[in-house]
Amino acid sequence: MKTIYYLFPVLLIFLISSCSDDNSPGEDLDKEVEDLIRIKTISNDTHSIEIFSAKANFFQGYNNLTLRITDKATDAYVTNASISWMPVMNMTDKTHSCPKSEVSKVFGKKTLYSGYVVFQMPGNPNEGWDLTLNYTIDGTSYTAKDGIQVLMSDKRVVSVFTGTDEVRYILALMEPSIPEVKVNDITAGLFKMQDMMNFPVVENFKIGLDPRMPSMGNHSSPANEDLSYNSVDKIYEGKLSLTMTGYWMLNLQLINEAGEVLKGEEVTEENESSSLYFEIEF
């Protein structure tokens, strides 16, 4: 009896500790999204899927999105889902999708999943986007779908164009989301239109970069680096030097593996800007 009496409180502590690790809504789990803004909740009969972003809405261009699933019956967050998504633009005469990543579990987080979507156009009163979420939990498949409002970006952060190779491309600025007066890391996504619903990543191209300030004599800046392909993250990375605040035009050239310019022009005294560009103002 003495031994049993001694072990009882130890067993009780173990059970309490185990219960404290249950996946239920609470202050600690809610901290996982404390720096994000909930912009949409999509529901079905079984689950609610919250969508979070650093911005207050879905916007034309690159959207880094975070998802969290709640089981309606238990009010607990789902930690073991496999998720895919399909954004679709419903136009008056056709439908199409857009570039998107896979949805993955966020490293170090219990309840969060993340990925990105590049909306190449905003919605309007007569045409809009739907987002379908397909997911599996413990071998059971579910679907949730709803309309989403995609707003127009106030600067050019995505470009849709046909290259000299007759391929339709989508080029989207990813970072910097908060530019600073310094040499910034710049990243972009490059995709091609395979068909109306599929936009695979374009690999091993180069994106020439020449930032200019049109209101300041169209001056450039030192220490810029063209964007090259990162095969691990499947994005293009470079260096963007911003020497002062204000409006910058990031003149671009899309260059294929053979060194051929598929879109965009070099900035010269006679040619002040490229037809392919992003805009930044801060």
C-alpha atoms as a PDB file:
ATOM      1  CA  MET A   1       0.000   0.000   0.000  1.00  0.00           C
ATOM      2  CA  LYS A   2       2.832   2.396   0.740  1.00  0.00           C
ATOM      3  CA  THR A   3       4.238   1.962  -2.738  1.00  0.00           C
ATOM      4  CA  ILE A   4       0.844   2.498  -4.366  1.00  0.00           C
ATOM      5  CA  TYR A   5       0.267   5.597  -2.236  1.00  0.00           C
ATOM      6  CA  TYR A   6       3.602   7.005  -3.392  1.00  0.00           C
ATOM      7  CA  LEU A   7       2.932   6.379  -7.089  1.00  0.00           C
ATOM      8  CA  PHE A   8      -0.596   7.798  -7.134  1.00  0.00           C
ATOM      9  CA  PRO A   9       0.340  11.503  -7.150  1.00  0.00           C
ATOM     10  CA  VAL A  10       3.017  10.809  -9.784  1.00  0.00           C
ATOM     11  CA  LEU A  11       0.423   9.107 -11.971  1.00  0.00           C
ATOM     12  CA  LEU A  12      -1.996  11.975 -11.404  1.00  0.00           C
ATOM     13  CA  ILE A  13       0.627  14.540 -12.453  1.00  0.00           C
ATOM     14  CA  PHE A  14       1.357  12.493 -15.592  1.00  0.00           C
ATOM     15  CA  LEU A  15      -2.332  12.388 -16.535  1.00  0.00           C
ATOM     16  CA  ILE A  16      -2.752  16.122 -15.974  1.00  0.00           C
ATOM     17  CA  SER A  17       0.340  16.804 -18.056  1.00  0.00           C
ATOM     18  CA  SER A  18      -0.943  14.579 -20.846  1.00  0.00           C
ATOM     19  CA  CYS A  19      -4.306  16.306 -20.858  1.00  0.00           C
ATOM     20  CA  SER A  20      -2.632  19.703 -21.102  1.00  0.00           C
ATOM     21  CA  ASP A  21      -1.175  18.639 -24.472  1.00  0.00           C
ATOM     22  CA  ASP A  22      -4.625  17.919 -25.959  1.00  0.00           C
ATOM     23  CA  ASN A  23      -5.383  19.893 -29.103  1.00  0.00           C
ATOM     24  CA  SER A  24      -8.108  22.242 -27.962  1.00  0.00           C
ATOM     25  CA  PRO A  25      -8.560  25.957 -28.589  1.00  0.00           C
ATOM     26  CA  GLY A  26      -6.753  27.998 -25.991  1.00  0.00           C
ATOM     27  CA  GLU A  27      -4.433  30.875 -25.411  1.00  0.00           C
ATOM     28  CA  ASP A  28      -1.244  29.048 -26.401  1.00  0.00           C
ATOM     29  CA  LEU A  29      -2.600  27.775 -29.725  1.00  0.00           C
ATOM     30  CA  ASP A  30      -4.200  31.110 -30.558  1.00  0.00           C
ATOM     31  CA  LYS A  31      -0.759  32.691 -30.220  1.00  0.00           C
ATOM     32  CA  GLU A  32       0.203  30.831 -33.383  1.00  0.00           C
ATOM     33  CA  VAL A  33      -1.824  33.380 -35.389  1.00  0.00           C
ATOM     34  CA  GLU A  34      -1.380  36.450 -33.209  1.00  0.00           C
ATOM     35  CA  ASP A  35       0.650  38.282 -35.886  1.00  0.00           C
ATOM     36  CA  LEU A  36      -1.772  37.408 -38.699  1.00  0.00           C
ATOM     37  CA  ILE A  37      -5.149  38.751 -39.839  1.00  0.00           C
ATOM     38  CA  ARG A  38      -8.075  36.406 -40.431  1.00  0.00           C
ATOM     39  CA  ILE A  39      -9.430  37.341 -43.871  1.00  0.00           C
ATOM     40  CA  LYS A  40     -11.874  34.518 -44.583  1.00  0.00           C
ATOM     41  CA  THR A  41     -13.593  31.501 -43.023  1.00  0.00           C
ATOM     42  CA  ILE A  42     -14.811  28.723 -45.314  1.00  0.00           C
ATOM     43  CA  SER A  43     -17.071  26.100 -43.731  1.00  0.00           C
ATOM     44  CA  ASN A  44     -18.825  22.824 -44.436  1.00  0.00           C
ATOM     45  CA  ASP A  45     -20.963  20.654 -42.145  1.00  0.00           C
ATOM     46  CA  THR A  46     -17.919  19.239 -40.338  1.00  0.00           C
ATOM     47  CA  HIS A  47     -15.196  21.881 -40.240  1.00  0.00           C
ATOM     48  CA  SER A  48     -14.436  25.582 -40.320  1.00  0.00           C
ATOM     49  CA  ILE A  49     -11.297  26.593 -42.197  1.00  0.00           C
ATOM     50  CA  GLU A  50      -9.879  29.969 -41.263  1.00  0.00           C
ATOM     51  CA  ILE A  51      -7.591  31.737 -43.742  1.00  0.00           C
ATOM     52  CA  PHE A  52      -5.027  34.215 -42.417  1.00  0.00           C
ATOM     53  CA  SER A  53      -2.667  36.692 -44.056  1.00  0.00           C
ATOM     54  CA  ALA A  54      -0.295  39.472 -43.056  1.00  0.00           C
ATOM     55  CA  LYS A  55      -2.565  41.757 -45.107  1.00  0.00           C
ATOM     56  CA  ALA A  56      -6.189  42.585 -44.427  1.00  0.00           C
ATOM     57  CA  ASN A  57      -7.577  41.064 -47.654  1.00  0.00           C
ATOM     58  CA  PHE A  58      -6.819  38.912 -50.658  1.00  0.00           C
ATOM     59  CA  PHE A  59      -4.993  41.056 -53.211  1.00  0.00           C
ATOM     60  CA  GLN A  60      -4.052  40.847 -56.867  1.00  0.00           C
ATOM     61  CA  GLY A  61      -0.552  39.368 -57.005  1.00  0.00           C
ATOM     62  CA  TYR A  62       1.270  37.166 -54.508  1.00  0.00           C
ATOM     63  CA  ASN A  63      -0.651  36.127 -51.377  1.00  0.00           C
ATOM     64  CA  ASN A  64       1.104  34.158 -48.637  1.00  0.00           C
ATOM     65  CA  LEU A  65      -1.764  32.422 -46.828  1.00  0.00           C
ATOM     66  CA  THR A  66      -2.066  30.445 -43.590  1.00  0.00           C
ATOM     67  CA  LEU A  67      -4.889  27.997 -42.856  1.00  0.00           C
ATOM     68  CA  ARG A  68      -6.291  26.518 -39.653  1.00  0.00           C
ATOM     69  CA  ILE A  69      -9.037  23.863 -39.482  1.00  0.00           C
ATOM     70  CA  THR A  70     -11.469  23.540 -36.561  1.00  0.00           C
ATOM     71  CA  ASP A  71     -13.598  20.446 -35.968  1.00  0.00           C
ATOM     72  CA  LYS A  72     -17.114  21.750 -35.300  1.00  0.00           C
ATOM     73  CA  ALA A  73     -18.123  18.776 -33.138  1.00  0.00           C
ATOM     74  CA  THR A  74     -15.210  19.023 -30.700  1.00  0.00           C
ATOM     75  CA  ASP A  75     -14.162  22.664 -31.203  1.00  0.00           C
ATOM     76  CA  ALA A  76     -10.587  21.372 -31.517  1.00  0.00           C
ATOM     77  CA  TYR A  77      -8.008  22.328 -34.124  1.00  0.00           C
ATOM     78  CA  VAL A  78      -7.021  19.672 -36.664  1.00  0.00           C
ATOM     79  CA  THR A  79      -3.303  18.919 -36.671  1.00  0.00           C
ATOM     80  CA  ASN A  80      -3.010  16.034 -39.150  1.00  0.00           C
ATOM     81  CA  ALA A  81      -4.732  17.172 -42.352  1.00  0.00           C
ATOM     82  CA  SER A  82      -3.481  16.888 -45.929  1.00  0.00           C
ATOM     83  CA  ILE A  83      -4.742  19.923 -47.874  1.00  0.00           C
ATOM     84  CA  SER A  84      -4.890  21.040 -51.485  1.00  0.00           C
ATOM     85  CA  TRP A  85      -6.656  24.033 -52.993  1.00  0.00           C
ATOM     86  CA  MET A  86      -8.045  25.291 -56.269  1.00  0.00           C
ATOM     87  CA  PRO A  87      -8.745  28.979 -56.837  1.00  0.00           C
ATOM     88  CA  VAL A  88     -10.987  29.644 -59.853  1.00  0.00           C
ATOM     89  CA  MET A  89     -11.876  32.935 -61.499  1.00  0.00           C
ATOM     90  CA  ASN A  90     -15.434  32.931 -62.842  1.00  0.00           C
ATOM     91  CA  MET A  91     -15.494  35.303 -65.800  1.00  0.00           C
ATOM     92  CA  THR A  92     -18.494  36.104 -67.964  1.00  0.00           C
ATOM     93  CA  ASP A  93     -17.292  33.887 -70.799  1.00  0.00           C
ATOM     94  CA  LYS A  94     -14.816  31.444 -69.211  1.00  0.00           C
ATOM     95  CA  THR A  95     -13.175  30.184 -66.026  1.00  0.00           C
ATOM     96  CA  HIS A  96      -9.498  29.905 -65.177  1.00  0.00           C
ATOM     97  CA  SER A  97      -7.229  29.283 -62.217  1.00  0.00           C
ATOM     98  CA  CYS A  98      -3.909  30.870 -61.257  1.00  0.00           C
ATOM     99  CA  PRO A  99      -0.425  29.960 -59.984  1.00  0.00           C
ATOM    100  CA  LYS A 100      -0.424  28.344 -56.566  1.00  0.00           C
ATOM    101  CA  SER A 101       1.858  26.346 -54.297  1.00  0.00           C
ATOM    102  CA  GLU A 102       1.231  23.174 -52.387  1.00  0.00           C
ATOM    103  CA  VAL A 103      -0.222  23.550 -48.887  1.00  0.00           C
ATOM    104  CA  SER A 104       2.186  22.346 -46.195  1.00  0.00           C
ATOM    105  CA  LYS A 105       2.222  22.118 -42.408  1.00  0.00           C
ATOM    106  CA  VAL A 106       4.016  25.112 -40.889  1.00  0.00           C
ATOM    107  CA  PHE A 107       7.233  23.966 -39.229  1.00  0.00           C
ATOM    108  CA  GLY A 108       7.110  24.325 -35.456  1.00  0.00           C
ATOM    109  CA  LYS A 109       3.340  25.003 -35.365  1.00  0.00           C
ATOM    110  CA  LYS A 110       0.690  22.537 -34.211  1.00  0.00           C
ATOM    111  CA  THR A 111      -2.361  23.884 -36.004  1.00  0.00           C
ATOM    112  CA  LEU A 112      -1.190  25.847 -39.048  1.00  0.00           C
ATOM    113  CA  TYR A 113      -0.794  25.056 -42.752  1.00  0.00           C
ATOM    114  CA  SER A 114       0.496  27.472 -45.366  1.00  0.00           C
ATOM    115  CA  GLY A 115       1.063  28.117 -49.047  1.00  0.00           C
ATOM    116  CA  TYR A 116       0.738  30.880 -51.604  1.00  0.00           C
ATOM    117  CA  VAL A 117      -1.645  31.884 -54.374  1.00  0.00           C
ATOM    118  CA  VAL A 118      -0.878  34.387 -57.146  1.00  0.00           C
ATOM    119  CA  PHE A 119      -4.088  36.084 -58.295  1.00  0.00           C
ATOM    120  CA  GLN A 120      -3.262  37.542 -61.695  1.00  0.00           C
ATOM    121  CA  MET A 121      -6.372  39.718 -61.720  1.00  0.00           C
ATOM    122  CA  PRO A 122      -8.788  41.184 -59.166  1.00  0.00           C
ATOM    123  CA  GLY A 123     -12.472  40.476 -58.963  1.00  0.00           C
ATOM    124  CA  ASN A 124     -15.145  42.929 -60.073  1.00  0.00           C
ATOM    125  CA  PRO A 125     -18.909  43.278 -59.545  1.00  0.00           C
ATOM    126  CA  ASN A 126     -19.656  40.788 -62.341  1.00  0.00           C
ATOM    127  CA  GLU A 127     -16.701  38.384 -62.094  1.00  0.00           C
ATOM    128  CA  GLY A 128     -15.104  36.851 -59.028  1.00  0.00           C
ATOM    129  CA  TRP A 129     -12.919  34.161 -57.491  1.00  0.00           C
ATOM    130  CA  ASP A 130     -13.940  30.954 -55.726  1.00  0.00           C
ATOM    131  CA  LEU A 131     -11.602  28.983 -53.485  1.00  0.00           C
ATOM    132  CA  THR A 132     -12.116  25.232 -53.094  1.00  0.00           C
ATOM    133  CA  LEU A 133     -10.292  23.413 -50.296  1.00  0.00           C
ATOM    134  CA  ASN A 134      -9.918  19.637 -50.583  1.00  0.00           C
ATOM    135  CA  TYR A 135      -8.480  17.924 -47.519  1.00  0.00           C
ATOM    136  CA  THR A 136      -8.113  14.533 -45.886  1.00  0.00           C
ATOM    137  CA  ILE A 137      -8.166  13.746 -42.158  1.00  0.00           C
ATOM    138  CA  ASP A 138      -7.596  10.193 -40.892  1.00  0.00           C
ATOM    139  CA  GLY A 139      -8.405   8.756 -44.316  1.00  0.00           C
ATOM    140  CA  THR A 140     -11.652  10.686 -44.783  1.00  0.00           C
ATOM    141  CA  SER A 141     -11.902  13.282 -47.576  1.00  0.00           C
ATOM    142  CA  TYR A 142     -13.704  16.609 -47.265  1.00  0.00           C
ATOM    143  CA  THR A 143     -14.394  19.629 -49.473  1.00  0.00           C
ATOM    144  CA  ALA A 144     -15.210  23.221 -48.599  1.00  0.00           C
ATOM    145  CA  LYS A 145     -15.804  26.009 -51.098  1.00  0.00           C
ATOM    146  CA  ASP A 146     -16.762  29.682 -51.023  1.00  0.00           C
ATOM    147  CA  GLY A 147     -16.327  32.894 -52.941  1.00  0.00           C
ATOM    148  CA  ILE A 148     -13.487  35.237 -52.023  1.00  0.00           C
ATOM    149  CA  GLN A 149     -12.995  38.925 -52.738  1.00  0.00           C
ATOM    150  CA  VAL A 150      -9.686  39.716 -54.449  1.00  0.00           C
ATOM    151  CA  LEU A 151      -8.866  43.429 -54.455  1.00  0.00           C
ATOM    152  CA  MET A 152      -6.795  45.318 -57.018  1.00  0.00           C
ATOM    153  CA  SER A 153      -3.251  46.128 -55.934  1.00  0.00           C
ATOM    154  CA  ASP A 154      -2.368  49.815 -55.989  1.00  0.00           C
ATOM    155  CA  LYS A 155       1.020  49.097 -57.594  1.00  0.00           C
ATOM    156  CA  ARG A 156       2.090  46.676 -60.291  1.00  0.00           C
ATOM    157  CA  VAL A 157       3.230  43.566 -58.446  1.00  0.00           C
ATOM    158  CA  VAL A 158       2.235  40.956 -61.015  1.00  0.00           C
ATOM    159  CA  SER A 159       2.586  40.906 -64.788  1.00  0.00           C
ATOM    160  CA  VAL A 160       0.881  38.623 -67.331  1.00  0.00           C
ATOM    161  CA  PHE A 161       2.471  38.610 -70.777  1.00  0.00           C
ATOM    162  CA  THR A 162       3.389  36.577 -73.843  1.00  0.00           C
ATOM    163  CA  GLY A 163       7.098  36.131 -74.481  1.00  0.00           C
ATOM    164  CA  THR A 164       8.788  36.128 -77.861  1.00  0.00           C
ATOM    165  CA  ASP A 165       8.633  32.322 -77.602  1.00  0.00           C
ATOM    166  CA  GLU A 166       4.795  32.603 -77.710  1.00  0.00           C
ATOM    167  CA  VAL A 167       4.496  31.258 -74.149  1.00  0.00           C
ATOM    168  CA  ARG A 168       2.121  32.976 -71.733  1.00  0.00           C
ATOM    169  CA  TYR A 169       3.940  33.880 -68.485  1.00  0.00           C
ATOM    170  CA  ILE A 170       2.966  35.206 -65.069  1.00  0.00           C
ATOM    171  CA  LEU A 171       5.661  37.001 -63.079  1.00  0.00           C
ATOM    172  CA  ALA A 172       4.862  37.999 -59.479  1.00  0.00           C
ATOM    173  CA  LEU A 173       6.783  40.017 -56.900  1.00  0.00           C
ATOM    174  CA  MET A 174       6.985  38.136 -53.590  1.00  0.00           C
ATOM    175  CA  GLU A 175       9.443  40.108 -51.456  1.00  0.00           C
ATOM    176  CA  PRO A 176      10.217  42.663 -50.170  1.00  0.00           C
ATOM    177  CA  SER A 177       6.753  43.134 -48.721  1.00  0.00           C
ATOM    178  CA  ILE A 178       8.128  45.904 -46.495  1.00  0.00           C
ATOM    179  CA  PRO A 179      10.927  47.594 -48.484  1.00  0.00           C
ATOM    180  CA  GLU A 180      13.627  49.561 -46.663  1.00  0.00           C
ATOM    181  CA  VAL A 181      16.421  51.949 -47.551  1.00  0.00           C
ATOM    182  CA  LYS A 182      19.108  49.295 -47.881  1.00  0.00           C
ATOM    183  CA  VAL A 183      20.009  46.346 -50.086  1.00  0.00           C
ATOM    184  CA  ASN A 184      16.838  44.250 -49.844  1.00  0.00           C
ATOM    185  CA  ASP A 185      16.406  40.590 -50.660  1.00  0.00           C
ATOM    186  CA  ILE A 186      14.058  40.407 -53.634  1.00  0.00           C
ATOM    187  CA  THR A 187      12.153  37.265 -54.616  1.00  0.00           C
ATOM    188  CA  ALA A 188       9.720  36.583 -57.433  1.00  0.00           C
ATOM    189  CA  GLY A 189       7.675  33.715 -58.803  1.00  0.00           C
ATOM    190  CA  LEU A 190       7.713  32.866 -62.504  1.00  0.00           C
ATOM    191  CA  PHE A 191       5.028  30.625 -63.994  1.00  0.00           C
ATOM    192  CA  LYS A 192       3.782  29.658 -67.431  1.00  0.00           C
ATOM    193  CA  MET A 193       0.225  29.043 -68.526  1.00  0.00           C
ATOM    194  CA  GLN A 194       0.073  25.367 -69.459  1.00  0.00           C
ATOM    195  CA  ASP A 195      -3.708  25.568 -69.793  1.00  0.00           C
ATOM    196  CA  MET A 196      -6.547  27.465 -68.111  1.00  0.00           C
ATOM    197  CA  MET A 197      -6.161  25.533 -64.857  1.00  0.00           C
ATOM    198  CA  ASN A 198      -2.443  24.739 -64.618  1.00  0.00           C
ATOM    199  CA  PHE A 199       0.433  27.186 -64.147  1.00  0.00           C
ATOM    200  CA  PRO A 200       3.698  25.329 -63.432  1.00  0.00           C
ATOM    201  CA  VAL A 201       6.853  27.046 -62.174  1.00  0.00           C
ATOM    202  CA  VAL A 202       9.360  28.043 -64.874  1.00  0.00           C
ATOM    203  CA  GLU A 203      12.844  26.842 -63.942  1.00  0.00           C
ATOM    204  CA  ASN A 204      16.400  28.040 -64.652  1.00  0.00           C
ATOM    205  CA  PHE A 205      15.619  31.362 -66.328  1.00  0.00           C
ATOM    206  CA  LYS A 206      17.089  34.692 -65.206  1.00  0.00           C
ATOM    207  CA  ILE A 207      15.327  37.955 -64.439  1.00  0.00           C
ATOM    208  CA  GLY A 208      17.350  41.085 -65.141  1.00  0.00           C
ATOM    209  CA  LEU A 209      16.800  43.889 -62.625  1.00  0.00           C
ATOM    210  CA  ASP A 210      17.326  47.646 -63.033  1.00  0.00           C
ATOM    211  CA  PRO A 211      15.494  49.777 -60.402  1.00  0.00           C
ATOM    212  CA  ARG A 212      14.942  53.438 -61.270  1.00  0.00           C
ATOM    213  CA  MET A 213      13.349  56.532 -59.700  1.00  0.00           C
ATOM    214  CA  PRO A 214      11.505  58.310 -62.554  1.00  0.00           C
ATOM    215  CA  SER A 215      10.847  61.441 -60.467  1.00  0.00           C
ATOM    216  CA  MET A 216      14.539  61.805 -59.572  1.00  0.00           C
ATOM    217  CA  GLY A 217      16.156  61.880 -62.995  1.00  0.00           C
ATOM    218  CA  ASN A 218      15.539  58.159 -63.459  1.00  0.00           C
ATOM    219  CA  HIS A 219      18.611  57.359 -61.381  1.00  0.00           C
ATOM    220  CA  SER A 220      19.409  53.773 -60.458  1.00  0.00           C
ATOM    221  CA  SER A 221      21.242  52.370 -57.435  1.00  0.00           C
ATOM    222  CA  PRO A 222      24.379  50.319 -56.710  1.00  0.00           C
ATOM    223  CA  ALA A 223      24.742  46.695 -55.609  1.00  0.00           C
ATOM    224  CA  ASN A 224      21.689  45.257 -57.368  1.00  0.00           C
ATOM    225  CA  GLU A 225      21.783  41.604 -58.401  1.00  0.00           C
ATOM    226  CA  ASP A 226      19.686  39.942 -61.097  1.00  0.00           C
ATOM    227  CA  LEU A 227      17.276  37.258 -59.935  1.00  0.00           C
ATOM    228  CA  SER A 228      18.374  33.654 -60.411  1.00  0.00           C
ATOM    229  CA  TYR A 229      16.452  30.439 -59.840  1.00  0.00           C
ATOM    230  CA  ASN A 230      16.509  28.696 -56.465  1.00  0.00           C
ATOM    231  CA  SER A 231      15.713  25.053 -57.215  1.00  0.00           C
ATOM    232  CA  VAL A 232      14.964  24.232 -53.571  1.00  0.00           C
ATOM    233  CA  ASP A 233      12.330  26.913 -52.968  1.00  0.00           C
ATOM    234  CA  LYS A 234      11.341  27.125 -56.665  1.00  0.00           C
ATOM    235  CA  ILE A 235      11.523  30.913 -56.695  1.00  0.00           C
ATOM    236  CA  TYR A 236      13.819  33.578 -58.156  1.00  0.00           C
ATOM    237  CA  GLU A 237      16.137  35.468 -55.800  1.00  0.00           C
ATOM    238  CA  GLY A 238      18.254  38.593 -56.151  1.00  0.00           C
ATOM    239  CA  LYS A 239      19.286  41.843 -54.470  1.00  0.00           C
ATOM    240  CA  LEU A 240      17.404  45.133 -54.694  1.00  0.00           C
ATOM    241  CA  SER A 241      19.193  48.305 -53.629  1.00  0.00           C
ATOM    242  CA  LEU A 242      16.882  51.129 -52.556  1.00  0.00           C
ATOM    243  CA  THR A 243      18.838  54.266 -51.701  1.00  0.00           C
ATOM    244  CA  MET A 244      15.914  56.485 -50.653  1.00  0.00           C
ATOM    245  CA  THR A 245      12.182  56.383 -49.992  1.00  0.00           C
ATOM    246  CA  GLY A 246       9.717  57.163 -52.754  1.00  0.00           C
ATOM    247  CA  TYR A 247       8.426  55.601 -55.954  1.00  0.00           C
ATOM    248  CA  TRP A 248      10.640  53.042 -57.695  1.00  0.00           C
ATOM    249  CA  MET A 249      10.091  51.286 -61.009  1.00  0.00           C
ATOM    250  CA  LEU A 250      11.827  47.926 -61.039  1.00  0.00           C
ATOM    251  CA  ASN A 251      12.648  47.444 -64.717  1.00  0.00           C
ATOM    252  CA  LEU A 252      12.906  43.766 -65.628  1.00  0.00           C
ATOM    253  CA  GLN A 253      14.011  41.501 -68.433  1.00  0.00           C
ATOM    254  CA  LEU A 254      13.014  37.847 -68.709  1.00  0.00           C
ATOM    255  CA  ILE A 255      15.946  35.805 -70.039  1.00  0.00           C
ATOM    256  CA  ASN A 256      15.767  32.109 -70.916  1.00  0.00           C
ATOM    257  CA  GLU A 257      18.449  29.436 -70.486  1.00  0.00           C
ATOM    258  CA  ALA A 258      19.927  30.255 -73.905  1.00  0.00           C
ATOM    259  CA  GLY A 259      20.431  33.888 -72.890  1.00  0.00           C
ATOM    260  CA  GLU A 260      17.608  35.150 -75.105  1.00  0.00           C
ATOM    261  CA  VAL A 261      15.474  38.051 -73.849  1.00  0.00           C
ATOM    262  CA  LEU A 262      11.848  36.933 -73.992  1.00  0.00           C
ATOM    263  CA  LYS A 263      10.330  40.129 -72.596  1.00  0.00           C
ATOM    264  CA  GLY A 264      11.581  43.527 -71.425  1.00  0.00           C
ATOM    265  CA  GLU A 265      14.079  46.075 -72.641  1.00  0.00           C
ATOM    266  CA  GLU A 266      17.333  47.532 -71.319  1.00  0.00           C
ATOM    267  CA  VAL A 267      17.062  50.994 -69.775  1.00  0.00           C
ATOM    268  CA  THR A 268      19.171  53.564 -71.665  1.00  0.00           C
ATOM    269  CA  GLU A 269      19.222  57.325 -72.162  1.00  0.00           C
ATOM    270  CA  GLU A 270      16.910  56.817 -75.124  1.00  0.00           C
ATOM    271  CA  ASN A 271      14.707  54.203 -73.426  1.00  0.00           C
ATOM    272  CA  GLU A 272      13.690  55.223 -69.916  1.00  0.00           C
ATOM    273  CA  SER A 273      11.812  52.071 -68.892  1.00  0.00           C
ATOM    274  CA  SER A 274      11.137  48.443 -69.681  1.00  0.00           C
ATOM    275  CA  SER A 275       7.774  47.089 -70.766  1.00  0.00           C
ATOM    276  CA  LEU A 276       8.190  44.490 -68.011  1.00  0.00           C
ATOM    277  CA  TYR A 277       8.379  45.955 -64.521  1.00  0.00           C
ATOM    278  CA  PHE A 278       7.231  45.987 -60.895  1.00  0.00           C
ATOM    279  CA  GLU A 279       6.454  49.064 -58.789  1.00  0.00           C
ATOM    280  CA  ILE A 280       7.405  49.852 -55.205  1.00  0.00           C
ATOM    281  CA  GLU A 281       6.605  52.962 -53.181  1.00  0.00           C
ATOM    282  CA  PHE A 282       7.452  53.451 -49.516  1.00  0.00           C
END
